[in-house]
N, C-alpha and C. Protein backbone atom coordinates (compact mmCIF):
# COMPACT_ATOMS: atom_id res chain seq x y z
N MET A 1 101.97 90.04 103.12
CA MET A 1 100.79 90.49 103.37
C MET A 1 100.40 90.85 104.89
N ASN A 2 99.97 91.82 105.38
CA ASN A 2 99.67 92.30 106.87
C ASN A 2 98.45 91.24 107.25
N PHE A 3 98.56 90.78 108.48
CA PHE A 3 97.45 90.10 108.97
C PHE A 3 96.19 90.68 109.02
N GLU A 4 96.29 92.02 109.49
CA GLU A 4 94.97 92.92 109.63
C GLU A 4 94.43 93.04 108.40
N GLU A 5 94.94 93.09 107.23
CA GLU A 5 94.20 93.00 105.91
C GLU A 5 93.44 91.65 105.84
N PHE A 6 94.18 90.63 105.94
CA PHE A 6 93.38 89.26 105.90
C PHE A 6 92.31 89.33 107.02
N TRP A 7 92.51 89.78 108.21
CA TRP A 7 91.51 89.72 109.33
C TRP A 7 90.25 90.31 108.86
N THR A 8 90.48 91.55 108.11
CA THR A 8 89.04 92.24 107.67
C THR A 8 88.39 91.58 106.71
N LEU A 9 88.97 90.65 105.98
CA LEU A 9 88.23 89.79 104.96
C LEU A 9 87.50 88.74 105.57
N VAL A 10 87.89 88.18 106.82
CA VAL A 10 87.24 87.08 107.38
C VAL A 10 86.61 87.37 108.83
N GLU A 11 86.77 88.56 109.36
CA GLU A 11 86.21 88.90 110.60
C GLU A 11 84.79 88.69 110.69
N ASN A 12 84.11 89.27 109.75
CA ASN A 12 82.58 89.11 109.95
C ASN A 12 81.95 88.01 108.93
N HIS A 13 82.80 87.10 108.84
CA HIS A 13 82.26 85.88 107.82
C HIS A 13 81.45 85.00 108.87
N GLY A 14 81.96 84.86 110.00
CA GLY A 14 81.29 83.78 110.81
C GLY A 14 81.45 84.40 112.33
N SER A 15 80.45 83.89 113.21
CA SER A 15 80.39 84.31 114.47
C SER A 15 81.43 83.92 115.33
N VAL A 16 82.07 82.93 114.99
CA VAL A 16 83.07 82.22 115.77
C VAL A 16 84.54 82.95 115.52
N ALA A 17 84.58 83.75 114.58
CA ALA A 17 85.94 84.27 114.15
C ALA A 17 86.78 85.00 115.11
N TYR A 18 86.07 85.69 116.04
CA TYR A 18 86.82 86.43 117.02
C TYR A 18 87.53 85.45 118.07
N PHE A 19 86.79 84.52 118.34
CA PHE A 19 87.43 83.50 119.40
C PHE A 19 88.66 82.85 118.78
N HIS A 20 89.00 82.87 117.58
CA HIS A 20 90.08 82.11 116.81
C HIS A 20 91.20 83.09 116.48
N LYS A 21 91.05 84.36 116.70
CA LYS A 21 91.97 85.37 116.05
C LYS A 21 93.40 85.07 116.41
N ASN A 22 93.88 84.84 117.67
CA ASN A 22 95.11 84.58 118.15
C ASN A 22 95.78 83.24 117.35
N GLU A 23 94.89 82.26 117.37
CA GLU A 23 95.47 81.01 116.71
C GLU A 23 95.56 81.15 115.31
N CYS A 24 94.69 82.01 114.54
CA CYS A 24 94.77 82.20 113.10
C CYS A 24 95.98 83.21 112.87
N GLU A 25 96.22 84.12 113.65
CA GLU A 25 97.31 85.06 113.51
C GLU A 25 98.77 84.21 113.51
N ASN A 26 98.64 83.34 114.53
CA ASN A 26 99.91 82.62 114.66
C ASN A 26 100.15 81.79 113.47
N LEU A 27 99.05 81.05 112.80
CA LEU A 27 99.38 80.31 111.73
C LEU A 27 99.63 81.19 110.64
N TRP A 28 99.02 82.44 110.33
CA TRP A 28 99.29 83.30 109.21
C TRP A 28 100.71 83.75 109.31
N ARG A 29 101.23 84.02 110.41
CA ARG A 29 102.66 84.51 110.61
C ARG A 29 103.62 83.40 110.23
N GLY A 30 103.24 82.02 110.23
CA GLY A 30 104.17 80.87 109.79
C GLY A 30 104.10 80.88 108.15
N LEU A 31 103.28 81.53 107.64
CA LEU A 31 103.26 81.29 105.98
C LEU A 31 104.17 82.23 105.43
N THR A 32 104.56 81.93 104.14
CA THR A 32 105.34 82.77 103.42
C THR A 32 104.48 83.80 102.87
N ALA A 33 105.05 84.95 102.31
CA ALA A 33 104.42 86.07 101.72
C ALA A 33 103.57 85.44 100.66
N GLU A 34 104.11 84.52 99.78
CA GLU A 34 103.39 83.88 98.55
C GLU A 34 102.13 83.23 99.02
N GLN A 35 102.37 82.37 100.08
CA GLN A 35 101.21 81.56 100.58
C GLN A 35 100.16 82.40 101.17
N GLN A 36 100.59 83.54 101.94
CA GLN A 36 99.51 84.41 102.46
C GLN A 36 98.78 85.04 101.39
N GLN A 37 99.25 85.48 100.23
CA GLN A 37 98.75 86.11 99.12
C GLN A 37 97.75 85.10 98.46
N ALA A 38 98.15 83.86 98.32
CA ALA A 38 97.46 82.91 97.74
C ALA A 38 96.08 82.48 98.50
N VAL A 39 96.27 82.32 99.72
CA VAL A 39 95.29 82.16 100.64
C VAL A 39 94.06 83.21 100.54
N TYR A 40 94.72 84.45 100.76
CA TYR A 40 93.86 85.62 100.74
C TYR A 40 93.10 85.68 99.45
N ASN A 41 93.81 85.32 98.30
CA ASN A 41 92.94 85.40 96.99
C ASN A 41 92.11 84.30 96.75
N ALA A 42 92.34 83.20 97.30
CA ALA A 42 91.46 81.99 97.18
C ALA A 42 90.09 82.28 97.94
N ILE A 43 90.47 82.82 99.31
CA ILE A 43 89.22 83.09 100.28
C ILE A 43 88.29 84.26 99.45
N GLN A 44 89.12 85.30 99.06
CA GLN A 44 88.37 86.39 98.25
C GLN A 44 87.64 86.02 97.22
N ARG A 45 88.05 85.05 96.51
CA ARG A 45 87.37 84.54 95.10
C ARG A 45 86.19 83.95 95.75
N LYS A 46 86.38 83.04 96.66
CA LYS A 46 85.17 82.09 97.16
C LYS A 46 83.98 83.02 97.80
N LEU A 47 84.36 83.91 98.57
CA LEU A 47 83.40 84.84 99.14
C LEU A 47 82.65 85.57 98.04
N ASP A 48 83.51 86.09 97.13
CA ASP A 48 82.71 86.87 96.01
C ASP A 48 81.86 85.86 95.18
N SER A 49 82.07 84.87 95.12
CA SER A 49 81.32 83.75 94.30
C SER A 49 80.16 83.11 95.18
N GLY A 50 80.08 83.42 96.40
CA GLY A 50 79.14 82.79 97.30
C GLY A 50 79.46 81.27 97.68
N LEU A 51 80.81 80.98 97.51
CA LEU A 51 81.34 79.50 97.74
C LEU A 51 81.53 79.37 99.08
N PHE A 52 81.41 78.28 99.74
CA PHE A 52 81.72 78.05 101.03
C PHE A 52 83.25 78.46 101.53
N VAL A 53 83.25 79.20 102.63
CA VAL A 53 84.58 79.31 103.43
C VAL A 53 84.27 79.28 104.86
N HIS A 54 85.05 78.27 105.46
CA HIS A 54 84.95 78.00 106.79
C HIS A 54 84.65 79.15 107.79
N TYR A 55 83.67 79.12 108.67
CA TYR A 55 83.53 80.16 109.59
C TYR A 55 84.71 80.28 110.72
N ASP A 56 85.42 79.23 110.75
CA ASP A 56 86.58 79.34 111.79
C ASP A 56 87.89 79.85 110.79
N PRO A 57 88.30 81.09 110.87
CA PRO A 57 89.29 81.61 110.12
C PRO A 57 90.56 80.65 110.03
N THR A 58 90.94 80.13 110.98
CA THR A 58 91.96 79.27 111.18
C THR A 58 91.84 78.00 110.21
N LYS A 59 90.76 77.32 110.25
CA LYS A 59 90.45 76.34 109.11
C LYS A 59 90.21 76.79 107.98
N ALA A 60 89.79 78.12 107.73
CA ALA A 60 89.66 78.54 106.39
C ALA A 60 91.09 78.74 105.62
N VAL A 61 92.13 79.19 106.48
CA VAL A 61 93.38 79.39 106.07
C VAL A 61 93.92 77.96 105.61
N ARG A 62 93.80 76.96 106.53
CA ARG A 62 94.19 75.68 106.13
C ARG A 62 93.66 75.08 104.83
N ASP A 63 92.29 75.18 104.67
CA ASP A 63 91.41 74.73 103.73
C ASP A 63 92.17 75.46 102.37
N ASN A 64 92.60 76.59 102.35
CA ASN A 64 92.84 77.30 101.17
C ASN A 64 94.38 77.53 100.89
N LEU A 65 95.17 76.88 101.62
CA LEU A 65 96.59 76.75 101.43
C LEU A 65 96.85 76.15 99.94
N PRO A 66 97.87 76.80 99.31
CA PRO A 66 98.14 76.25 97.97
C PRO A 66 98.76 74.77 98.02
N LYS A 67 98.12 73.95 97.20
CA LYS A 67 98.73 72.50 97.12
C LYS A 67 99.96 72.53 96.36
N ALA A 68 100.86 71.55 97.01
CA ALA A 68 102.06 71.40 96.31
C ALA A 68 101.92 70.53 95.13
N PRO A 69 102.54 70.82 94.03
CA PRO A 69 102.31 69.98 92.78
C PRO A 69 102.83 68.51 92.94
N LYS A 70 102.16 67.67 92.46
CA LYS A 70 102.62 66.19 92.50
C LYS A 70 103.72 65.87 91.58
N ILE A 71 104.63 65.31 92.16
CA ILE A 71 105.87 64.94 91.14
C ILE A 71 105.85 63.54 90.89
N GLN A 72 105.66 63.08 89.59
CA GLN A 72 105.95 61.70 89.32
C GLN A 72 107.47 61.50 88.89
N THR A 73 108.01 60.35 89.21
CA THR A 73 109.34 59.88 88.92
C THR A 73 109.28 58.32 88.29
N ILE A 74 110.09 58.27 87.18
CA ILE A 74 110.14 57.02 86.64
C ILE A 74 111.55 56.66 86.26
N SER A 75 111.99 55.50 86.25
CA SER A 75 113.34 55.22 85.75
C SER A 75 113.68 55.53 84.41
N GLY A 76 114.94 55.72 84.12
CA GLY A 76 115.23 55.86 82.63
C GLY A 76 114.97 54.62 81.80
N GLU A 77 115.04 53.52 82.26
CA GLU A 77 114.44 52.35 81.50
C GLU A 77 112.93 52.36 81.20
N GLU A 78 112.33 52.51 82.18
CA GLU A 78 110.87 52.68 82.03
C GLU A 78 110.48 53.90 81.13
N TYR A 79 111.03 55.01 81.26
CA TYR A 79 110.75 56.00 80.35
C TYR A 79 111.11 55.64 78.72
N TYR A 80 112.24 54.94 78.69
CA TYR A 80 112.70 54.41 77.31
C TYR A 80 111.63 53.58 76.71
N ARG A 81 111.07 52.57 77.60
CA ARG A 81 110.03 51.58 77.08
C ARG A 81 108.83 52.27 76.67
N ARG A 82 108.49 53.34 77.48
CA ARG A 82 107.18 53.98 77.32
C ARG A 82 107.25 54.87 76.04
N TYR A 83 108.38 55.62 75.76
CA TYR A 83 108.65 56.63 74.75
C TYR A 83 109.48 56.18 73.53
N GLN A 84 110.19 55.10 73.75
CA GLN A 84 111.17 54.69 72.82
C GLN A 84 112.37 55.82 72.38
N THR A 85 112.63 56.62 73.32
CA THR A 85 113.50 57.67 73.14
C THR A 85 114.08 58.12 74.69
N GLN A 86 115.14 58.73 74.62
CA GLN A 86 115.74 59.49 75.87
C GLN A 86 115.46 60.86 75.95
N THR A 87 114.91 61.40 74.77
CA THR A 87 114.62 62.79 74.71
C THR A 87 113.32 63.21 75.69
N PRO A 88 113.57 64.28 76.42
CA PRO A 88 112.35 64.52 77.25
C PRO A 88 111.16 65.12 76.53
N GLN A 89 110.02 64.57 76.83
CA GLN A 89 108.84 65.15 76.18
C GLN A 89 107.74 64.93 77.10
N ASP A 90 106.51 65.40 76.73
CA ASP A 90 105.20 65.43 77.53
C ASP A 90 105.38 65.95 78.80
N GLY A 91 106.35 67.01 79.03
CA GLY A 91 106.48 67.40 80.43
C GLY A 91 107.36 66.93 81.25
N TRP A 92 108.12 65.69 80.78
CA TRP A 92 109.05 65.05 81.48
C TRP A 92 110.41 65.66 81.53
N ARG A 93 111.25 65.59 82.71
CA ARG A 93 112.57 66.23 82.73
C ARG A 93 113.49 65.18 82.99
N ARG A 94 114.73 65.18 82.35
CA ARG A 94 115.71 64.07 82.56
C ARG A 94 116.56 64.60 83.61
N VAL A 95 116.81 63.70 84.73
CA VAL A 95 117.76 64.10 85.63
C VAL A 95 118.70 63.01 86.00
N PHE A 96 120.01 63.19 86.00
CA PHE A 96 121.16 62.36 86.31
C PHE A 96 121.38 62.33 87.94
N LEU A 97 121.38 61.18 88.44
CA LEU A 97 121.63 61.09 89.84
C LEU A 97 123.07 60.55 89.91
N PRO A 98 124.05 61.48 90.00
CA PRO A 98 125.53 61.06 90.05
C PRO A 98 125.88 60.05 91.25
N ASP A 99 125.28 60.27 92.38
CA ASP A 99 125.62 59.26 93.45
C ASP A 99 125.13 57.93 93.27
N GLN A 100 124.11 57.67 92.24
CA GLN A 100 123.68 56.35 92.08
C GLN A 100 124.08 56.14 90.80
N GLN A 101 124.66 56.89 89.95
CA GLN A 101 125.11 56.65 88.55
C GLN A 101 123.85 56.14 87.68
N LYS A 102 122.82 57.00 87.85
CA LYS A 102 121.64 56.46 86.85
C LYS A 102 120.77 57.82 86.51
N THR A 103 119.89 57.56 85.66
CA THR A 103 119.26 58.68 85.19
C THR A 103 117.68 58.26 85.34
N ILE A 104 116.95 59.36 85.76
CA ILE A 104 115.43 59.12 86.02
C ILE A 104 114.76 60.35 85.27
N TYR A 105 113.49 60.31 85.40
CA TYR A 105 112.79 61.21 84.58
C TYR A 105 111.78 61.78 85.57
N ILE A 106 111.50 62.97 85.86
CA ILE A 106 110.54 63.76 86.65
C ILE A 106 109.60 64.55 85.94
N LYS A 107 108.43 64.38 86.32
CA LYS A 107 107.32 65.27 85.77
C LYS A 107 106.40 65.84 86.87
N GLN A 108 106.26 67.12 86.93
CA GLN A 108 105.39 67.81 87.83
C GLN A 108 104.06 67.98 87.31
N ASN A 109 103.10 67.66 88.09
CA ASN A 109 101.62 68.00 87.70
C ASN A 109 100.97 68.97 88.45
């Protein structure tokens, strides 16, 4: 996504926007296209809904970056105690670590 498209969305949102344009553009250019689109969509939804979006566009970008999913990890033994099986279920995925010669289970939230 082009920075100017994003800037059009936030430039009139707060009186301090203009003073942070260069800083915001540098941050924007460091994001992936997917992150840029996610930030734009989140800010657009908030503005359309009358929700708070920071008046400093750089802070608005940081506040609306997509969150990385949390990853839970448990040992194979703990998984077996909990579920009485080695078959993956409830969103858990079985992973074998060859360098450690052990199995763990991973779940993303």
